[in-house]
């Protein structure tokens, strides 16, 4: 199965989890980069195409929209046999974000991972299921952090489309592992434990060549 990797960012994302169980990892994969499956670590980058949709459903059932214009990230993909997670995300950069109270700054915390959950088919054109795990981000109103601040932590589901070489983050339905914590103020619109959704599509590349999964 050809995978230009469930890679970076996503960021991003994106970001977080309710009290439902964690997603189960798929089988270990053989990952090759630039045609070689020798054990190693290779740089990757990812950049969103279009806006990043992020929202939370508060304790009253109201959906609070908090979006960003873009997200990018960097990390590494692991080549070799018996690999899963297949990549890690060390940094993300978010632009044009808004939350209750105005423009927001998003700070990446820790190392996120990209884990596959789909089968290791080999036709080279599948959409492979996976998730961004151990996501952790701190969000603050830029002008005055005391107006609104919170953390987003957990896992966000997604798929990697081998034909387009894009990672699509698609955490929807407020039933997964994305949630808010350490909420302060936010005009009373957000509370601890609010489940979150996230949608983003990212182009993933490695300077060492195509990333393949089998």
Protein backbone atom coordinates (compact mmCIF):
# COMPACT_ATOMS: atom_id res chain seq x y z
CA UNK A 1 0.00 0.00 0.00
CA UNK A 2 1.43 3.31 -1.06
CA UNK A 3 1.41 5.97 1.64
CA UNK A 4 2.95 9.38 1.37
CA UNK A 5 2.25 9.20 4.98
CA UNK A 6 -0.26 9.88 7.50
CA UNK A 7 2.05 12.69 8.26
CA UNK A 8 2.45 15.88 9.88
CA UNK A 9 0.07 18.02 11.02
CA UNK A 10 -2.43 17.72 11.08
CA UNK A 11 -2.36 19.07 12.88
CA UNK A 12 -3.08 19.48 13.54
CA UNK A 13 -4.68 18.64 14.10
CA UNK A 14 -5.43 19.08 14.84
CA UNK A 15 -6.30 17.79 18.60
CA UNK A 16 -8.43 15.89 21.26
CA UNK A 17 -10.78 13.19 22.97
CA UNK A 18 -13.90 12.34 24.92
CA UNK A 19 -14.15 9.50 27.41
CA UNK A 20 -14.64 6.91 24.67
CA UNK A 21 -11.88 4.29 24.29
CA UNK A 22 -8.80 5.04 22.24
CA UNK A 23 -8.76 3.97 18.60
CA UNK A 24 -7.18 0.57 17.96
CA UNK A 25 -3.98 0.54 15.93
CA UNK A 26 -3.90 -1.44 12.72
CA UNK A 27 -1.33 -4.05 11.75
CA UNK A 28 2.37 -3.21 11.73
CA UNK A 29 3.49 -2.04 8.30
CA UNK A 30 6.57 -2.20 6.14
CA UNK A 31 7.33 1.43 5.37
CA UNK A 32 9.71 2.45 2.60
CA UNK A 33 10.94 5.94 1.80
CA UNK A 34 12.41 6.66 -1.60
CA UNK A 35 12.20 2.97 -2.41
CA UNK A 36 14.13 1.76 0.63
CA UNK A 37 12.63 0.00 3.65
CA UNK A 38 15.89 0.08 5.60
CA UNK A 39 15.32 1.15 9.19
CA UNK A 40 15.59 4.90 9.48
CA UNK A 41 13.95 8.26 10.17
CA UNK A 42 13.02 10.72 7.41
CA UNK A 43 11.84 14.33 7.57
CA UNK A 44 8.30 15.13 6.49
CA UNK A 45 6.26 18.30 6.12
CA UNK A 46 2.54 18.87 5.70
CA UNK A 47 0.48 21.90 4.69
CA UNK A 48 -3.27 22.36 4.63
CA UNK A 49 -5.26 23.05 1.51
CA UNK A 50 -8.18 25.33 2.32
CA UNK A 51 -9.47 26.35 5.73
CA UNK A 52 -9.27 24.26 8.88
CA UNK A 53 -12.65 23.70 10.52
CA UNK A 54 -12.68 23.30 14.30
CA UNK A 55 -15.70 23.50 16.56
CA UNK A 56 -16.96 22.29 19.93
CA UNK A 57 -20.39 21.41 21.25
CA UNK A 58 -20.89 23.05 24.63
CA UNK A 59 -22.83 21.81 27.64
CA UNK A 60 -26.01 23.45 26.32
CA UNK A 61 -25.70 21.61 23.02
CA UNK A 62 -24.71 24.73 21.09
CA UNK A 63 -21.98 24.36 18.45
CA UNK A 64 -19.25 26.99 18.84
CA UNK A 65 -17.27 27.50 15.63
CA UNK A 66 -13.55 28.22 16.02
CA UNK A 67 -11.72 28.00 12.71
CA UNK A 68 -8.25 28.66 11.28
CA UNK A 69 -7.24 29.68 7.77
CA UNK A 70 -4.34 27.21 7.60
CA UNK A 71 -2.07 24.80 9.45
CA UNK A 72 1.34 23.36 8.61
CA UNK A 73 3.56 20.91 10.42
CA UNK A 74 6.82 19.00 10.40
CA UNK A 75 8.01 15.73 11.79
CA UNK A 76 9.47 12.38 10.81
CA UNK A 77 8.32 9.16 9.19
CA UNK A 78 9.83 5.84 10.23
CA UNK A 79 10.98 3.43 7.55
CA UNK A 80 11.49 -0.27 8.23
CA UNK A 81 9.46 -3.37 9.04
CA UNK A 82 6.93 -3.83 11.84
CA UNK A 83 6.21 -0.08 11.96
CA UNK A 84 3.14 1.53 13.60
CA UNK A 85 2.85 4.41 14.49
CA UNK A 86 4.34 5.33 11.15
CA UNK A 87 5.17 8.99 11.82
CA UNK A 88 5.51 11.66 14.49
CA UNK A 89 4.67 15.35 14.48
CA UNK A 90 7.06 17.61 16.35
CA UNK A 91 5.72 21.05 15.42
CA UNK A 92 2.60 22.66 13.98
CA UNK A 93 1.92 26.27 13.01
CA UNK A 94 -1.62 27.63 12.89
CA UNK A 95 -2.69 30.89 11.23
CA UNK A 96 -5.88 32.94 11.12
CA UNK A 97 -7.49 31.25 14.12
CA UNK A 98 -10.49 32.67 15.98
CA UNK A 99 -12.19 31.62 19.22
CA UNK A 100 -14.78 33.28 21.50
CA UNK A 101 -13.20 36.64 22.28
CA UNK A 102 -11.31 37.18 19.03
CA UNK A 103 -8.13 36.16 17.22
CA UNK A 104 -6.29 33.24 18.78
CA UNK A 105 -2.78 31.83 19.14
CA UNK A 106 -2.36 28.03 19.06
CA UNK A 107 0.70 26.45 20.70
CA UNK A 108 1.78 22.90 19.85
CA UNK A 109 2.67 20.77 22.90
CA UNK A 110 4.68 17.55 22.93
CA UNK A 111 5.04 15.01 20.13
CA UNK A 112 1.97 13.78 18.27
CA UNK A 113 1.89 10.48 16.42
CA UNK A 114 0.35 9.21 13.20
CA UNK A 115 -1.01 5.69 13.58
CA UNK A 116 -2.56 3.54 10.89
CA UNK A 117 -5.71 1.53 11.57
CA UNK A 118 -6.42 0.24 8.04
CA UNK A 119 -5.34 -3.04 6.49
CA UNK A 120 -2.06 -3.17 4.61
CA UNK A 121 -3.47 -3.79 1.14
CA UNK A 122 -1.01 -3.39 -1.74
CA UNK A 123 -2.88 -2.00 -4.76
CA UNK A 124 -1.48 1.48 -4.13
CA UNK A 125 -4.70 3.50 -4.45
CA UNK A 126 -6.57 2.92 -1.20
CA UNK A 127 -7.75 5.44 1.35
CA UNK A 128 -6.08 4.24 4.52
CA UNK A 129 -7.71 4.88 7.87
CA UNK A 130 -5.71 6.19 10.79
CA UNK A 131 -5.56 8.86 13.47
CA UNK A 132 -3.45 11.65 14.90
CA UNK A 133 -2.73 10.54 18.46
CA UNK A 134 -1.35 12.17 21.61
CA UNK A 135 -2.40 15.53 20.18
CA UNK A 136 -2.08 18.43 22.59
CA UNK A 137 -2.49 22.14 21.85
CA UNK A 138 -2.98 25.24 23.98
CA UNK A 139 -5.29 27.92 22.56
CA UNK A 140 -5.40 31.54 23.78
CA UNK A 141 -6.90 34.85 22.67
CA UNK A 142 -3.91 36.70 21.24
CA UNK A 143 -4.59 40.21 22.53
CA UNK A 144 -5.43 39.12 26.08
CA UNK A 145 -5.09 35.44 27.07
CA UNK A 146 -7.46 35.95 29.99
CA UNK A 147 -10.41 36.59 27.66
CA UNK A 148 -10.43 32.94 26.55
CA UNK A 149 -8.04 30.05 26.89
CA UNK A 150 -8.28 26.28 26.79
CA UNK A 151 -6.40 23.12 25.85
CA UNK A 152 -7.35 20.58 23.18
CA UNK A 153 -6.08 17.02 23.68
CA UNK A 154 -6.61 13.48 22.47
CA UNK A 155 -6.99 11.81 19.07
CA UNK A 156 -8.44 12.87 15.72
CA UNK A 157 -9.48 10.35 13.08
CA UNK A 158 -8.46 10.65 9.47
CA UNK A 159 -7.61 8.90 6.20
CA UNK A 160 -4.73 9.03 3.78
CA UNK A 161 -5.66 8.97 0.09
CA UNK A 162 -2.88 7.32 -1.86
CA UNK A 163 -4.08 8.67 -5.20
CA UNK A 164 -3.99 12.32 -4.10
CA UNK A 165 -1.27 11.95 -1.42
CA UNK A 166 -3.39 13.87 1.05
CA UNK A 167 -4.08 13.31 4.71
CA UNK A 168 -7.68 14.22 5.57
CA UNK A 169 -8.47 14.82 9.23
CA UNK A 170 -12.15 14.09 9.73
CA UNK A 171 -13.18 14.02 13.38
CA UNK A 172 -16.96 14.47 13.29
CA UNK A 173 -20.10 13.72 15.27
CA UNK A 174 -18.72 14.76 18.67
CA UNK A 175 -18.35 11.06 19.51
CA UNK A 176 -14.59 10.54 19.24
CA UNK A 177 -11.57 11.43 21.27
CA UNK A 178 -11.37 15.19 20.94
CA UNK A 179 -12.19 17.44 23.91
CA UNK A 180 -11.50 20.72 25.68
CA UNK A 181 -9.96 21.13 29.12
CA UNK A 182 -8.59 23.92 31.35
CA UNK A 183 -11.20 26.30 29.97
CA UNK A 184 -11.01 29.85 31.36
CA UNK A 185 -13.71 32.44 30.57
CA UNK A 186 -14.38 32.23 26.79
CA UNK A 187 -17.46 34.42 27.26
CA UNK A 188 -19.16 31.50 28.98
CA UNK A 189 -19.51 29.71 25.63
CA UNK A 190 -17.14 26.80 26.33
CA UNK A 191 -16.74 24.36 29.24
CA UNK A 192 -14.36 21.62 30.32
CA UNK A 193 -15.09 18.31 28.64
CA UNK A 194 -16.80 19.78 25.57
CA UNK A 195 -16.34 17.36 22.62
CA UNK A 196 -14.77 18.79 19.49
CA UNK A 197 -14.80 18.16 15.75
CA UNK A 198 -12.07 18.94 13.24
CA UNK A 199 -11.82 18.90 9.45
CA UNK A 200 -8.61 19.56 7.51
CA UNK A 201 -6.87 18.29 4.38
CA UNK A 202 -3.08 18.34 4.20
CA UNK A 203 -0.55 17.68 1.47
CA UNK A 204 2.30 15.55 2.85
CA UNK A 205 5.83 15.36 1.40
CA UNK A 206 9.25 13.94 2.26
CA UNK A 207 12.49 15.19 0.69
CA UNK A 208 13.77 11.60 0.72
CA UNK A 209 11.07 10.44 -1.71
CA UNK A 210 7.74 8.70 -1.79
CA UNK A 211 6.57 6.93 1.33
CA UNK A 212 5.08 3.49 0.76
CA UNK A 213 3.23 1.21 3.13
CA UNK A 214 2.75 -2.52 2.69
